[in-house]
Structures are given as structure tokens and as C-alpha cells.
Amino acid sequence: MKVSELIDLLSKLDPDARVVTPGFESGFEDIEHVTCGMLYRRKNPEWWDGAFNEDNNWNSEGEDMVMIYGSYRK
């Protein structure tokens, strides 16, 4: 999802609606951190790994990212 897609989606919602992330094991928690950086696509990730990484170990082209997460992911 790109920032423009997220903005479009959120602009259709009640501005007072709570934004949450999944809890560590269950439930939900408030957004507490937003970070920006670069992501690099992994080459042939295992099924349990994400498609992107913050380290460019795969010599792939980076792209800007925004990461939004709750308190358990400090």
C-alpha cells in the first residue's frame, strides 16, 4: 500500500475513529510509533519472512517506507 492509497482510505472514515494495530498475542493496541526509512525487497524470502527488509543484503533497489506500530514493537 502506498501513502496516497492510505490517505484516500482514511479520508473516507470518521476522523475520530481509533487507529490500532494487533496486540502481541491477542487484542489490539493504539498506534504509538511512526517511523520513516528505506526498505529493500528480499530475494526468495521464506514463507514466514516479510517481503522487505531494512538491510540491503540482496542488492535490490530501495524504496521509501512508513512503518506504523504499537507499543510492543519498540
C-alpha atoms as a PDB file:
ATOM      1  CA  MET A   1       0.000   0.000   0.000  1.00  0.00           C
ATOM      2  CA  LYS A   2       1.269   3.459  -0.860  1.00  0.00           C
ATOM      3  CA  VAL A   3       0.798   6.590   1.275  1.00  0.00           C
ATOM      4  CA  SER A   4      -1.665   8.007  -1.271  1.00  0.00           C
ATOM      5  CA  GLU A   5      -3.812   4.855  -1.024  1.00  0.00           C
ATOM      6  CA  LEU A   6      -3.802   5.013   2.776  1.00  0.00           C
ATOM      7  CA  ILE A   7      -4.732   8.711   2.747  1.00  0.00           C
ATOM      8  CA  ASP A   8      -7.586   8.013   0.331  1.00  0.00           C
ATOM      9  CA  LEU A   9      -8.897   5.188   2.526  1.00  0.00           C
ATOM     10  CA  LEU A  10      -8.595   7.151   5.768  1.00  0.00           C
ATOM     11  CA  SER A  11     -10.184  10.276   4.267  1.00  0.00           C
ATOM     12  CA  LYS A  12     -13.449   8.321   3.877  1.00  0.00           C
ATOM     13  CA  LEU A  13     -13.612   7.402   7.574  1.00  0.00           C
ATOM     14  CA  ASP A  14     -14.734   9.241  10.684  1.00  0.00           C
ATOM     15  CA  PRO A  15     -11.743  11.375  11.727  1.00  0.00           C
ATOM     16  CA  ASP A  16     -12.421  10.427  15.356  1.00  0.00           C
ATOM     17  CA  ALA A  17     -12.186   6.666  14.659  1.00  0.00           C
ATOM     18  CA  ARG A  18      -9.402   4.932  16.604  1.00  0.00           C
ATOM     19  CA  VAL A  19      -6.459   3.520  14.653  1.00  0.00           C
ATOM     20  CA  VAL A  20      -4.976   0.354  16.165  1.00  0.00           C
ATOM     21  CA  THR A  21      -2.516  -2.441  15.483  1.00  0.00           C
ATOM     22  CA  PRO A  22      -2.793  -6.093  16.516  1.00  0.00           C
ATOM     23  CA  GLY A  23      -1.557  -6.870  20.025  1.00  0.00           C
ATOM     24  CA  PHE A  24       1.442  -9.133  20.553  1.00  0.00           C
ATOM     25  CA  GLU A  25      -0.650 -12.244  21.241  1.00  0.00           C
ATOM     26  CA  SER A  26      -4.244 -11.025  21.229  1.00  0.00           C
ATOM     27  CA  GLY A  27      -6.370  -7.902  21.193  1.00  0.00           C
ATOM     28  CA  PHE A  28      -5.389  -4.527  19.812  1.00  0.00           C
ATOM     29  CA  GLU A  29      -3.348  -1.530  20.892  1.00  0.00           C
ATOM     30  CA  ASP A  30      -3.068   2.139  19.982  1.00  0.00           C
ATOM     31  CA  ILE A  31      -0.532   3.415  17.479  1.00  0.00           C
ATOM     32  CA  GLU A  32       2.451   4.726  19.403  1.00  0.00           C
ATOM     33  CA  HIS A  33       5.242   4.928  16.836  1.00  0.00           C
ATOM     34  CA  VAL A  34       5.557   6.021  13.229  1.00  0.00           C
ATOM     35  CA  THR A  35       8.951   5.766  11.574  1.00  0.00           C
ATOM     36  CA  CYS A  36      10.198   6.505   8.085  1.00  0.00           C
ATOM     37  CA  GLY A  37      13.099   4.899   6.287  1.00  0.00           C
ATOM     38  CA  MET A  38      14.150   2.730   3.372  1.00  0.00           C
ATOM     39  CA  LEU A  39      13.029  -0.807   2.559  1.00  0.00           C
ATOM     40  CA  TYR A  40      14.623  -3.343   0.268  1.00  0.00           C
ATOM     41  CA  ARG A  41      12.833  -6.277  -1.350  1.00  0.00           C
ATOM     42  CA  ARG A  42      14.160  -9.651  -0.221  1.00  0.00           C
ATOM     43  CA  LYS A  43      15.083 -12.152  -2.870  1.00  0.00           C
ATOM     44  CA  ASN A  44      13.341 -15.504  -2.318  1.00  0.00           C
ATOM     45  CA  PRO A  45      12.181 -14.963   1.284  1.00  0.00           C
ATOM     46  CA  GLU A  46      10.965 -17.911   3.309  1.00  0.00           C
ATOM     47  CA  TRP A  47       7.182 -18.069   3.639  1.00  0.00           C
ATOM     48  CA  TRP A  48       7.392 -16.857   7.254  1.00  0.00           C
ATOM     49  CA  ASP A  49       9.557 -13.829   6.405  1.00  0.00           C
ATOM     50  CA  GLY A  50       8.294 -10.499   5.157  1.00  0.00           C
ATOM     51  CA  ALA A  51       8.888  -9.487   1.554  1.00  0.00           C
ATOM     52  CA  PHE A  52      11.012  -6.477   2.609  1.00  0.00           C
ATOM     53  CA  ASN A  53      13.943  -5.797   4.928  1.00  0.00           C
ATOM     54  CA  GLU A  54      15.661  -2.680   6.284  1.00  0.00           C
ATOM     55  CA  ASP A  55      19.102  -4.051   5.325  1.00  0.00           C
ATOM     56  CA  ASN A  56      20.095  -4.214   1.677  1.00  0.00           C
ATOM     57  CA  ASN A  57      21.647  -7.682   1.827  1.00  0.00           C
ATOM     58  CA  TRP A  58      20.050  -8.534  -1.510  1.00  0.00           C
ATOM     59  CA  ASN A  59      21.463  -5.594  -3.515  1.00  0.00           C
ATOM     60  CA  SER A  60      17.960  -4.560  -4.514  1.00  0.00           C
ATOM     61  CA  GLU A  61      16.653  -1.069  -5.195  1.00  0.00           C
ATOM     62  CA  GLY A  62      15.355   0.620  -2.057  1.00  0.00           C
ATOM     63  CA  GLU A  63      12.104   2.484  -1.629  1.00  0.00           C
ATOM     64  CA  ASP A  64      10.766   4.918   0.936  1.00  0.00           C
ATOM     65  CA  MET A  65       8.587   3.452   3.669  1.00  0.00           C
ATOM     66  CA  VAL A  66       6.442   4.498   6.596  1.00  0.00           C
ATOM     67  CA  MET A  67       6.059   1.974   9.423  1.00  0.00           C
ATOM     68  CA  ILE A  68       3.205   2.311  11.911  1.00  0.00           C
ATOM     69  CA  TYR A  69       3.146   0.155  15.024  1.00  0.00           C
ATOM     70  CA  GLY A  70       2.045  -0.100  18.638  1.00  0.00           C
ATOM     71  CA  SER A  71       3.885  -0.129  21.932  1.00  0.00           C
ATOM     72  CA  TYR A  72       5.022  -3.765  21.958  1.00  0.00           C
ATOM     73  CA  ARG A  73       7.270  -3.155  18.900  1.00  0.00           C
ATOM     74  CA  LYS A  74       9.583  -0.535  20.447  1.00  0.00           C
END
